[in-house]
Amino acid sequence: SITAAIEELLTNAVIHNDSENPHVRVNLAVEGSWGTLSVRDNGPGVPEFDRDVLESGGAIETLSHGSGLGLWLVYWTVNHSGGKIHVDEREPRGTEITIWFPLKTGG
């Protein structure tokens, strides 16, 4: 579900943030016919493997904590909802993950 995908993004932003003064910022917006949610943190960034999972649904070899399974579920949920996802590394530290979901129109 979309709720589970959002929970996964927030959980990852919090538990993997090793900053001395951790921050996580969530923004919600409507852009035309799209709802957007961005999760921004000042953690260590997203490893290349996990970034591939998020942006393209890259294959997961083993199913274990830290294997990218939660992020693959985020990708799957966003993709099957007709949405998009983008990962942006921030300097000097951190990541901003933005997801776009098509909004339902009346009817």
PDB file of N, CA and C in Angstrom:
ATOM      1  N   SER A   1       0.832  -1.188   0.000  1.00  0.00           N
ATOM      2  CA  SER A   1       0.000   0.000   0.000  1.00  0.00           C
ATOM      3  C   SER A   1       0.880   1.257   0.000  1.00  0.00           C
ATOM      4  N   ILE A   2       0.278   2.349  -0.375  1.00  0.00           N
ATOM      5  CA  ILE A   2       1.005   3.622  -0.372  1.00  0.00           C
ATOM      6  C   ILE A   2       1.440   3.969   1.053  1.00  0.00           C
ATOM      7  N   THR A   3       0.580   3.679   2.018  1.00  0.00           N
ATOM      8  CA  THR A   3       0.922   3.943   3.415  1.00  0.00           C
ATOM      9  C   THR A   3       2.174   3.172   3.828  1.00  0.00           C
ATOM     10  N   ALA A   4       2.251   1.903   3.453  1.00  0.00           N
ATOM     11  CA  ALA A   4       3.425   1.088   3.792  1.00  0.00           C
ATOM     12  C   ALA A   4       4.682   1.629   3.122  1.00  0.00           C
ATOM     13  N   ALA A   5       4.556   2.104   1.883  1.00  0.00           N
ATOM     14  CA  ALA A   5       5.706   2.674   1.173  1.00  0.00           C
ATOM     15  C   ALA A   5       6.213   3.926   1.889  1.00  0.00           C
ATOM     16  N   ILE A   6       5.296   4.775   2.308  1.00  0.00           N
ATOM     17  CA  ILE A   6       5.675   5.996   3.019  1.00  0.00           C
ATOM     18  C   ILE A   6       6.325   5.645   4.357  1.00  0.00           C
ATOM     19  N   GLU A   7       5.742   4.688   5.073  1.00  0.00           N
ATOM     20  CA  GLU A   7       6.330   4.252   6.345  1.00  0.00           C
ATOM     21  C   GLU A   7       7.747   3.727   6.139  1.00  0.00           C
ATOM     22  N   GLU A   8       7.973   2.978   5.070  1.00  0.00           N
ATOM     23  CA  GLU A   8       9.307   2.430   4.784  1.00  0.00           C
ATOM     24  C   GLU A   8      10.309   3.551   4.538  1.00  0.00           C
ATOM     25  N   LEU A   9       9.918   4.556   3.745  1.00  0.00           N
ATOM     26  CA  LEU A   9      10.824   5.679   3.487  1.00  0.00           C
ATOM     27  C   LEU A   9      11.168   6.418   4.777  1.00  0.00           C
ATOM     28  N   LEU A  10      10.156   6.672   5.601  1.00  0.00           N
ATOM     29  CA  LEU A  10      10.396   7.385   6.858  1.00  0.00           C
ATOM     30  C   LEU A  10      11.252   6.557   7.813  1.00  0.00           C
ATOM     31  N   THR A  11      10.963   5.275   7.917  1.00  0.00           N
ATOM     32  CA  THR A  11      11.745   4.395   8.790  1.00  0.00           C
ATOM     33  C   THR A  11      13.204   4.371   8.365  1.00  0.00           C
ATOM     34  N   ASN A  12      13.447   4.225   7.063  1.00  0.00           N
ATOM     35  CA  ASN A  12      14.824   4.212   6.568  1.00  0.00           C
ATOM     36  C   ASN A  12      15.532   5.529   6.856  1.00  0.00           C
ATOM     37  N   ALA A  13      14.837   6.642   6.672  1.00  0.00           N
ATOM     38  CA  ALA A  13      15.452   7.949   6.911  1.00  0.00           C
ATOM     39  C   ALA A  13      15.858   8.110   8.373  1.00  0.00           C
ATOM     40  N   VAL A  14      15.065   7.550   9.276  1.00  0.00           N
ATOM     41  CA  VAL A  14      15.346   7.689  10.704  1.00  0.00           C
ATOM     42  C   VAL A  14      16.394   6.682  11.178  1.00  0.00           C
ATOM     43  N   ILE A  15      16.195   5.401  10.904  1.00  0.00           N
ATOM     44  CA  ILE A  15      17.079   4.391  11.513  1.00  0.00           C
ATOM     45  C   ILE A  15      18.466   4.337  10.882  1.00  0.00           C
ATOM     46  N   HIS A  16      18.600   4.793   9.649  1.00  0.00           N
ATOM     47  CA  HIS A  16      19.918   4.761   9.010  1.00  0.00           C
ATOM     48  C   HIS A  16      20.650   6.099   9.110  1.00  0.00           C
ATOM     49  N   ASN A  17      20.076   7.056   9.837  1.00  0.00           N
ATOM     50  CA  ASN A  17      20.703   8.368   9.979  1.00  0.00           C
ATOM     51  C   ASN A  17      21.706   8.324  11.128  1.00  0.00           C
ATOM     52  N   ASP A  18      22.982   8.341  10.771  1.00  0.00           N
ATOM     53  CA  ASP A  18      24.042   8.273  11.780  1.00  0.00           C
ATOM     54  C   ASP A  18      24.638   9.644  12.098  1.00  0.00           C
ATOM     55  N   SER A  19      23.964  10.701  11.676  1.00  0.00           N
ATOM     56  CA  SER A  19      24.449  12.053  11.926  1.00  0.00           C
ATOM     57  C   SER A  19      24.453  12.347  13.427  1.00  0.00           C
ATOM     58  N   GLU A  20      25.389  13.187  13.854  1.00  0.00           N
ATOM     59  CA  GLU A  20      25.452  13.596  15.253  1.00  0.00           C
ATOM     60  C   GLU A  20      24.184  14.343  15.661  1.00  0.00           C
ATOM     61  N   ASN A  21      23.592  15.073  14.728  1.00  0.00           N
ATOM     62  CA  ASN A  21      22.363  15.822  14.960  1.00  0.00           C
ATOM     63  C   ASN A  21      21.383  15.475  13.832  1.00  0.00           C
ATOM     64  N   PRO A  22      20.719  14.300  13.915  1.00  0.00           N
ATOM     65  CA  PRO A  22      19.898  13.836  12.795  1.00  0.00           C
ATOM     66  C   PRO A  22      18.654  14.693  12.558  1.00  0.00           C
ATOM     67  N   HIS A  23      18.365  14.888  11.267  1.00  0.00           N
ATOM     68  CA  HIS A  23      17.170  15.623  10.844  1.00  0.00           C
ATOM     69  C   HIS A  23      16.498  14.860   9.717  1.00  0.00           C
ATOM     70  N   VAL A  24      15.165  14.825   9.751  1.00  0.00           N
ATOM     71  CA  VAL A  24      14.369  14.273   8.654  1.00  0.00           C
ATOM     72  C   VAL A  24      13.259  15.274   8.387  1.00  0.00           C
ATOM     73  N   ARG A  25      13.093  15.650   7.128  1.00  0.00           N
ATOM     74  CA  ARG A  25      12.056  16.609   6.742  1.00  0.00           C
ATOM     75  C   ARG A  25      11.145  15.941   5.718  1.00  0.00           C
ATOM     76  N   VAL A  26       9.848  16.101   5.917  1.00  0.00           N
ATOM     77  CA  VAL A  26       8.861  15.545   4.997  1.00  0.00           C
ATOM     78  C   VAL A  26       8.065  16.697   4.405  1.00  0.00           C
ATOM     79  N   ASN A  27       7.931  16.706   3.092  1.00  0.00           N
ATOM     80  CA  ASN A  27       7.121  17.708   2.405  1.00  0.00           C
ATOM     81  C   ASN A  27       6.055  17.008   1.580  1.00  0.00           C
ATOM     82  N   LEU A  28       4.856  17.539   1.626  1.00  0.00           N
ATOM     83  CA  LEU A  28       3.746  17.060   0.810  1.00  0.00           C
ATOM     84  C   LEU A  28       3.256  18.214  -0.037  1.00  0.00           C
ATOM     85  N   ALA A  29       2.901  17.925  -1.279  1.00  0.00           N
ATOM     86  CA  ALA A  29       2.404  18.984  -2.157  1.00  0.00           C
ATOM     87  C   ALA A  29       1.531  18.374  -3.243  1.00  0.00           C
ATOM     88  N   VAL A  30       0.767  19.231  -3.879  1.00  0.00           N
ATOM     89  CA  VAL A  30       0.003  18.857  -5.068  1.00  0.00           C
ATOM     90  C   VAL A  30       0.554  19.679  -6.210  1.00  0.00           C
ATOM     91  N   GLU A  31       0.943  18.991  -7.273  1.00  0.00           N
ATOM     92  CA  GLU A  31       1.467  19.649  -8.471  1.00  0.00           C
ATOM     93  C   GLU A  31       0.617  19.197  -9.647  1.00  0.00           C
ATOM     94  N   GLY A  32      -0.370  20.014  -9.997  1.00  0.00           N
ATOM     95  CA  GLY A  32      -1.269  19.639 -11.085  1.00  0.00           C
ATOM     96  C   GLY A  32      -2.048  18.392 -10.713  1.00  0.00           C
ATOM     97  N   SER A  33      -1.916  17.347 -11.512  1.00  0.00           N
ATOM     98  CA  SER A  33      -2.646  16.103 -11.259  1.00  0.00           C
ATOM     99  C   SER A  33      -1.811  15.097 -10.460  1.00  0.00           C
ATOM    100  N   TRP A  34      -0.722  15.578  -9.849  1.00  0.00           N
ATOM    101  CA  TRP A  34       0.172  14.706  -9.088  1.00  0.00           C
ATOM    102  C   TRP A  34       0.246  15.129  -7.625  1.00  0.00           C
ATOM    103  N   GLY A  35       0.248  14.148  -6.741  1.00  0.00           N
ATOM    104  CA  GLY A  35       0.578  14.372  -5.345  1.00  0.00           C
ATOM    105  C   GLY A  35       2.053  14.044  -5.181  1.00  0.00           C
ATOM    106  N   THR A  36       2.791  14.869  -4.460  1.00  0.00           N
ATOM    107  CA  THR A  36       4.217  14.597  -4.258  1.00  0.00           C
ATOM    108  C   THR A  36       4.522  14.497  -2.768  1.00  0.00           C
ATOM    109  N   LEU A  37       5.453  13.626  -2.466  1.00  0.00           N
ATOM    110  CA  LEU A  37       5.948  13.473  -1.112  1.00  0.00           C
ATOM    111  C   LEU A  37       7.458  13.385  -1.211  1.00  0.00           C
ATOM    112  N   SER A  38       8.153  14.208  -0.438  1.00  0.00           N
ATOM    113  CA  SER A  38       9.610  14.095  -0.406  1.00  0.00           C
ATOM    114  C   SER A  38      10.057  13.890   1.035  1.00  0.00           C
ATOM    115  N   VAL A  39      11.034  13.014   1.187  1.00  0.00           N
ATOM    116  CA  VAL A  39      11.641  12.722   2.482  1.00  0.00           C
ATOM    117  C   VAL A  39      13.113  13.083   2.345  1.00  0.00           C
ATOM    118  N   ARG A  40      13.540  14.036   3.168  1.00  0.00           N
ATOM    119  CA  ARG A  40      14.911  14.562   3.088  1.00  0.00           C
ATOM    120  C   ARG A  40      15.593  14.354   4.432  1.00  0.00           C
ATOM    121  N   ASP A  41      16.840  13.877   4.400  1.00  0.00           N
ATOM    122  CA  ASP A  41      17.559  13.668   5.653  1.00  0.00           C
ATOM    123  C   ASP A  41      19.012  14.116   5.517  1.00  0.00           C
ATOM    124  N   ASN A  42      19.713  14.089   6.637  1.00  0.00           N
ATOM    125  CA  ASN A  42      21.134  14.441   6.641  1.00  0.00           C
ATOM    126  C   ASN A  42      21.983  13.230   7.031  1.00  0.00           C
ATOM    127  N   GLY A  43      21.524  12.051   6.624  1.00  0.00           N
ATOM    128  CA  GLY A  43      22.232  10.805   6.924  1.00  0.00           C
ATOM    129  C   GLY A  43      23.360  10.538   5.943  1.00  0.00           C
ATOM    130  N   PRO A  44      23.821   9.283   5.903  1.00  0.00           N
ATOM    131  CA  PRO A  44      24.994   8.926   5.104  1.00  0.00           C
ATOM    132  C   PRO A  44      24.739   8.784   3.606  1.00  0.00           C
ATOM    133  N   GLY A  45      23.501   8.910   3.176  1.00  0.00           N
ATOM    134  CA  GLY A  45      23.191   8.718   1.762  1.00  0.00           C
ATOM    135  C   GLY A  45      22.697   7.305   1.504  1.00  0.00           C
ATOM    136  N   VAL A  46      22.237   7.072   0.299  1.00  0.00           N
ATOM    137  CA  VAL A  46      21.701   5.768  -0.089  1.00  0.00           C
ATOM    138  C   VAL A  46      22.778   5.013  -0.856  1.00  0.00           C
ATOM    139  N   PRO A  47      23.142   3.811  -0.408  1.00  0.00           N
ATOM    140  CA  PRO A  47      24.130   3.025  -1.157  1.00  0.00           C
ATOM    141  C   PRO A  47      23.659   2.779  -2.592  1.00  0.00           C
ATOM    142  N   GLU A  48      24.614   2.618  -3.502  1.00  0.00           N
ATOM    143  CA  GLU A  48      24.295   2.446  -4.918  1.00  0.00           C
ATOM    144  C   GLU A  48      23.315   1.300  -5.152  1.00  0.00           C
ATOM    145  N   PHE A  49      23.495   0.175  -4.459  1.00  0.00           N
ATOM    146  CA  PHE A  49      22.593  -0.963  -4.625  1.00  0.00           C
ATOM    147  C   PHE A  49      21.162  -0.572  -4.293  1.00  0.00           C
ATOM    148  N   ASP A  50      20.963   0.097  -3.138  1.00  0.00           N
ATOM    149  CA  ASP A  50      19.623   0.495  -2.721  1.00  0.00           C
ATOM    150  C   ASP A  50      19.044   1.549  -3.648  1.00  0.00           C
ATOM    151  N   ARG A  51      19.886   2.432  -4.151  1.00  0.00           N
ATOM    152  CA  ARG A  51      19.424   3.452  -5.093  1.00  0.00           C
ATOM    153  C   ARG A  51      18.901   2.785  -6.362  1.00  0.00           C
ATOM    154  N   ASP A  52      19.606   1.762  -6.855  1.00  0.00           N
ATOM    155  CA  ASP A  52      19.159   1.023  -8.033  1.00  0.00           C
ATOM    156  C   ASP A  52      17.819   0.345  -7.767  1.00  0.00           C
ATOM    157  N   VAL A  53      17.657  -0.207  -6.571  1.00  0.00           N
ATOM    158  CA  VAL A  53      16.390  -0.843  -6.206  1.00  0.00           C
ATOM    159  C   VAL A  53      15.267   0.184  -6.242  1.00  0.00           C
ATOM    160  N   LEU A  54      15.494   1.366  -5.666  1.00  0.00           N
ATOM    161  CA  LEU A  54      14.459   2.396  -5.602  1.00  0.00           C
ATOM    162  C   LEU A  54      14.086   2.954  -6.968  1.00  0.00           C
ATOM    163  N   GLU A  55      15.080   3.197  -7.798  1.00  0.00           N
ATOM    164  CA  GLU A  55      14.806   3.881  -9.063  1.00  0.00           C
ATOM    165  C   GLU A  55      14.417   2.950 -10.203  1.00  0.00           C
ATOM    166  N   SER A  56      14.809   1.668 -10.124  1.00  0.00           N
ATOM    167  CA  SER A  56      14.498   0.795 -11.260  1.00  0.00           C
ATOM    168  C   SER A  56      13.970  -0.569 -10.852  1.00  0.00           C
ATOM    169  N   GLY A  57      13.800  -0.793  -9.555  1.00  0.00           N
ATOM    170  CA  GLY A  57      13.326  -2.098  -9.111  1.00  0.00           C
ATOM    171  C   GLY A  57      14.369  -3.175  -9.286  1.00  0.00           C
ATOM    172  N   GLY A  58      15.656  -2.789  -9.243  1.00  0.00           N
ATOM    173  CA  GLY A  58      16.762  -3.730  -9.434  1.00  0.00           C
ATOM    174  C   GLY A  58      16.582  -5.006  -8.633  1.00  0.00           C
ATOM    175  N   ALA A  59      17.123  -6.081  -9.141  1.00  0.00           N
ATOM    176  CA  ALA A  59      16.961  -7.404  -8.533  1.00  0.00           C
ATOM    177  C   ALA A  59      17.574  -7.462  -7.145  1.00  0.00           C
ATOM    178  N   ILE A  60      16.946  -8.233  -6.282  1.00  0.00           N
ATOM    179  CA  ILE A  60      17.444  -8.477  -4.936  1.00  0.00           C
ATOM    180  C   ILE A  60      17.833  -9.947  -4.868  1.00  0.00           C
ATOM    181  N   GLU A  61      19.098 -10.207  -4.567  1.00  0.00           N
ATOM    182  CA  GLU A  61      19.605 -11.583  -4.552  1.00  0.00           C
ATOM    183  C   GLU A  61      19.137 -12.359  -3.322  1.00  0.00           C
ATOM    184  N   THR A  62      19.213 -11.740  -2.142  1.00  0.00           N
ATOM    185  CA  THR A  62      18.828 -12.428  -0.915  1.00  0.00           C
ATOM    186  C   THR A  62      17.811 -11.589  -0.173  1.00  0.00           C
ATOM    187  N   LEU A  63      16.935 -12.247   0.548  1.00  0.00           N
ATOM    188  CA  LEU A  63      15.907 -11.543   1.296  1.00  0.00           C
ATOM    189  C   LEU A  63      16.294 -11.518   2.764  1.00  0.00           C
ATOM    190  N   SER A  64      16.829 -10.380   3.196  1.00  0.00           N
ATOM    191  CA  SER A  64      17.219 -10.220   4.588  1.00  0.00           C
ATOM    192  C   SER A  64      17.153  -8.743   4.926  1.00  0.00           C
ATOM    193  N   HIS A  65      17.181  -8.432   6.227  1.00  0.00           N
ATOM    194  CA  HIS A  65      17.201  -7.029   6.627  1.00  0.00           C
ATOM    195  C   HIS A  65      18.436  -6.380   6.027  1.00  0.00           C
ATOM    196  N   GLY A  66      18.246  -5.240   5.437  1.00  0.00           N
ATOM    197  CA  GLY A  66      19.362  -4.558   4.807  1.00  0.00           C
ATOM    198  C   GLY A  66      19.587  -4.999   3.371  1.00  0.00           C
ATOM    199  N   SER A  67      18.739  -5.889   2.871  1.00  0.00           N
ATOM    200  CA  SER A  67      18.918  -6.393   1.504  1.00  0.00           C
ATOM    201  C   SER A  67      18.274  -5.489   0.473  1.00  0.00           C
ATOM    202  N   GLY A  68      17.550  -4.464   0.897  1.00  0.00           N
ATOM    203  CA  GLY A  68      16.858  -3.607  -0.048  1.00  0.00           C
ATOM    204  C   GLY A  68      15.419  -4.023  -0.279  1.00  0.00           C
ATOM    205  N   LEU A  69      14.941  -5.054   0.411  1.00  0.00           N
ATOM    206  CA  LEU A  69      13.578  -5.533   0.200  1.00  0.00           C
ATOM    207  C   LEU A  69      12.553  -4.444   0.487  1.00  0.00           C
ATOM    208  N   GLY A  70      12.710  -3.713   1.587  1.00  0.00           N
ATOM    209  CA  GLY A  70      11.762  -2.644   1.911  1.00  0.00           C
ATOM    210  C   GLY A  70      11.741  -1.577   0.840  1.00  0.00           C
ATOM    211  N   LEU A  71      12.914  -1.222   0.318  1.00  0.00           N
ATOM    212  CA  LEU A  71      12.973  -0.215  -0.736  1.00  0.00           C
ATOM    213  C   LEU A  71      12.413  -0.759  -2.043  1.00  0.00           C
ATOM    214  N   TRP A  72      12.582  -2.063  -2.289  1.00  0.00           N
ATOM    215  CA  TRP A  72      11.979  -2.662  -3.478  1.00  0.00           C
ATOM    216  C   TRP A  72      10.461  -2.575  -3.382  1.00  0.00           C
ATOM    217  N   LEU A  73       9.903  -2.786  -2.182  1.00  0.00           N
ATOM    218  CA  LEU A  73       8.458  -2.663  -2.003  1.00  0.00           C
ATOM    219  C   LEU A  73       8.001  -1.227  -2.233  1.00  0.00           C
ATOM    220  N   VAL A  74       8.820  -0.246  -1.839  1.00  0.00           N
ATOM    221  CA  VAL A  74       8.501   1.153  -2.142  1.00  0.00           C
ATOM    222  C   VAL A  74       8.441   1.331  -3.656  1.00  0.00           C
ATOM    223  N   TYR A  75       9.470   0.853  -4.356  1.00  0.00           N
ATOM    224  CA  TYR A  75       9.495   0.955  -5.818  1.00  0.00           C
ATOM    225  C   TYR A  75       8.261   0.290  -6.424  1.00  0.00           C
ATOM    226  N   TRP A  76       7.963  -0.929  -6.010  1.00  0.00           N
ATOM    227  CA  TRP A  76       6.844  -1.683  -6.570  1.00  0.00           C
ATOM    228  C   TRP A  76       5.532  -0.932  -6.354  1.00  0.00           C
ATOM    229  N   THR A  77       5.320  -0.420  -5.136  1.00  0.00           N
ATOM    230  CA  THR A  77       4.083   0.299  -4.821  1.00  0.00           C
ATOM    231  C   THR A  77       3.942   1.551  -5.669  1.00  0.00           C
ATOM    232  N   VAL A  78       5.009   2.333  -5.748  1.00  0.00           N
ATOM    233  CA  VAL A  78       4.968   3.569  -6.537  1.00  0.00           C
ATOM    234  C   VAL A  78       4.738   3.243  -8.007  1.00  0.00           C
ATOM    235  N   ASN A  79       5.475   2.285  -8.533  1.00  0.00           N
ATOM    236  CA  ASN A  79       5.365   1.907  -9.940  1.00  0.00           C
ATOM    237  C   ASN A  79       3.966   1.397 -10.279  1.00  0.00           C
ATOM    238  N   HIS A  80       3.411   0.531  -9.444  1.00  0.00           N
ATOM    239  CA  HIS A  80       2.092  -0.039  -9.718  1.00  0.00           C
ATOM    240  C   HIS A  80       0.955   0.941  -9.446  1.00  0.00           C
ATOM    241  N   SER A  81       1.256   2.055  -8.840  1.00  0.00           N
ATOM    242  CA  SER A  81       0.259   3.114  -8.648  1.00  0.00           C
ATOM    243  C   SER A  81       0.318   4.130  -9.781  1.00  0.00           C
ATOM    244  N   GLY A  82       1.194   3.892 -10.754  1.00  0.00           N
ATOM    245  CA  GLY A  82       1.354   4.837 -11.855  1.00  0.00           C
ATOM    246  C   GLY A  82       2.235   6.010 -11.486  1.00  0.00           C
ATOM    247  N   GLY A  83       2.987   5.873 -10.402  1.00  0.00           N
ATOM    248  CA  GLY A  83       3.811   6.968  -9.920  1.00  0.00           C
ATOM    249  C   GLY A  83       5.248   6.903 -10.392  1.00  0.00           C
ATOM    250  N   LYS A  84       6.037   7.841  -9.871  1.00  0.00           N
ATOM    251  CA  LYS A  84       7.458   7.955 -10.202  1.00  0.00           C
ATOM    252  C   LYS A  84       8.230   8.154  -8.904  1.00  0.00           C
ATOM    253  N   ILE A  85       9.517   7.845  -8.951  1.00  0.00           N
ATOM    254  CA  ILE A  85      10.370   8.027  -7.780  1.00  0.00           C
ATOM    255  C   ILE A  85      11.733   8.542  -8.233  1.00  0.00           C
ATOM    256  N   HIS A  86      12.313   9.436  -7.426  1.00  0.00           N
ATOM    257  CA  HIS A  86      13.632   9.987  -7.745  1.00  0.00           C
ATOM    258  C   HIS A  86      14.450  10.082  -6.462  1.00  0.00           C
ATOM    259  N   VAL A  87      15.722   9.709  -6.552  1.00  0.00           N
ATOM    260  CA  VAL A  87      16.644   9.789  -5.419  1.00  0.00           C
ATOM    261  C   VAL A  87      17.693  10.839  -5.739  1.00  0.00           C
ATOM    262  N   ASP A  88      17.856  11.805  -4.843  1.00  0.00           N
ATOM    263  CA  ASP A  88      18.825  12.877  -5.037  1.00  0.00           C
ATOM    264  C   ASP A  88      19.766  12.911  -3.840  1.00  0.00           C
ATOM    265  N   GLU A  89      21.054  12.691  -4.098  1.00  0.00           N
ATOM    266  CA  GLU A  89      22.050  12.779  -3.029  1.00  0.00           C
ATOM    267  C   GLU A  89      22.331  14.253  -2.752  1.00  0.00           C
ATOM    268  N   ARG A  90      22.418  14.607  -1.469  1.00  0.00           N
ATOM    269  CA  ARG A  90      22.657  15.986  -1.063  1.00  0.00           C
ATOM    270  C   ARG A  90      24.079  16.120  -0.545  1.00  0.00           C
ATOM    271  N   GLU A  91      24.663  17.274  -0.757  1.00  0.00           N
ATOM    272  CA  GLU A  91      26.022  17.541  -0.271  1.00  0.00           C
ATOM    273  C   GLU A  91      25.948  18.441   0.947  1.00  0.00           C
ATOM    274  N   PRO A  92      26.751  18.249   1.962  1.00  0.00           N
ATOM    275  CA  PRO A  92      27.808  17.253   2.048  1.00  0.00           C
ATOM    276  C   PRO A  92      27.289  15.882   2.473  1.00  0.00           C
ATOM    277  N   ARG A  93      26.058  15.801   3.025  1.00  0.00           N
ATOM    278  CA  ARG A  93      25.484  14.525   3.470  1.00  0.00           C
ATOM    279  C   ARG A  93      23.997  14.532   3.226  1.00  0.00           C
ATOM    280  N   GLY A  94      23.456  13.350   3.102  1.00  0.00           N
ATOM    281  CA  GLY A  94      22.015  13.220   3.086  1.00  0.00           C
ATOM    282  C   GLY A  94      21.441  12.825   1.740  1.00  0.00           C
ATOM    283  N   THR A  95      20.146  12.605   1.778  1.00  0.00           N
ATOM    284  CA  THR A  95      19.409  12.143   0.617  1.00  0.00           C
ATOM    285  C   THR A  95      18.042  12.801   0.617  1.00  0.00           C
ATOM    286  N   GLU A  96      17.511  13.049  -0.574  1.00  0.00           N
ATOM    287  CA  GLU A  96      16.116  13.447  -0.720  1.00  0.00           C
ATOM    288  C   GLU A  96      15.474  12.482  -1.698  1.00  0.00           C
ATOM    289  N   ILE A  97      14.450  11.785  -1.225  1.00  0.00           N
ATOM    290  CA  ILE A  97      13.705  10.854  -2.064  1.00  0.00           C
ATOM    291  C   ILE A  97      12.336  11.469  -2.300  1.00  0.00           C
ATOM    292  N   THR A  98      11.982  11.618  -3.566  1.00  0.00           N
ATOM    293  CA  THR A  98      10.694  12.202  -3.933  1.00  0.00           C
ATOM    294  C   THR A  98       9.878  11.169  -4.681  1.00  0.00           C
ATOM    295  N   ILE A  99       8.622  11.034  -4.281  1.00  0.00           N
ATOM    296  CA  ILE A  99       7.703  10.172  -5.011  1.00  0.00           C
ATOM    297  C   ILE A  99       6.521  11.001  -5.483  1.00  0.00           C
ATOM    298  N   TRP A 100       6.062  10.689  -6.684  1.00  0.00           N
ATOM    299  CA  TRP A 100       4.900  11.338  -7.286  1.00  0.00           C
ATOM    300  C   TRP A 100       3.840  10.271  -7.505  1.00  0.00           C
ATOM    301  N   PHE A 101       2.604  10.581  -7.101  1.00  0.00           N
ATOM    302  CA  PHE A 101       1.475   9.684  -7.328  1.00  0.00           C
ATOM    303  C   PHE A 101       0.411  10.429  -8.116  1.00  0.00           C
ATOM    304  N   PRO A 102      -0.177   9.780  -9.127  1.00  0.00           N
ATOM    305  CA  PRO A 102      -1.278  10.437  -9.825  1.00  0.00           C
ATOM    306  C   PRO A 102      -2.470  10.554  -8.875  1.00  0.00           C
ATOM    307  N   LEU A 103      -3.097  11.723  -8.894  1.00  0.00           N
ATOM    308  CA  LEU A 103      -4.270  11.942  -8.053  1.00  0.00           C
ATOM    309  C   LEU A 103      -5.512  11.469  -8.790  1.00  0.00           C
ATOM    310  N   LYS A 104      -6.435  10.904  -8.051  1.00  0.00           N
ATOM    311  CA  LYS A 104      -7.698  10.484  -8.651  1.00  0.00           C
ATOM    312  C   LYS A 104      -8.534  11.722  -8.921  1.00  0.00           C
ATOM    313  N   THR A 105      -9.194  11.718 -10.057  1.00  0.00           N
ATOM    314  CA  THR A 105     -10.106  12.813 -10.367  1.00  0.00           C
ATOM    315  C   THR A 105     -11.513  12.380  -9.990  1.00  0.00           C
ATOM    316  N   GLY A 106     -12.406  13.344  -9.857  1.00  0.00           N
ATOM    317  CA  GLY A 106     -13.778  13.074  -9.428  1.00  0.00           C
ATOM    318  C   GLY A 106     -14.436  11.951 -10.208  1.00  0.00           C
ATOM    319  N   GLY A 107     -15.385  11.303  -9.552  1.00  0.00           N
ATOM    320  CA  GLY A 107     -16.130  10.257 -10.244  1.00  0.00           C
ATOM    321  C   GLY A 107     -16.110   9.038  -9.540  1.00  0.00           C
TER     322      GLY A 107
END
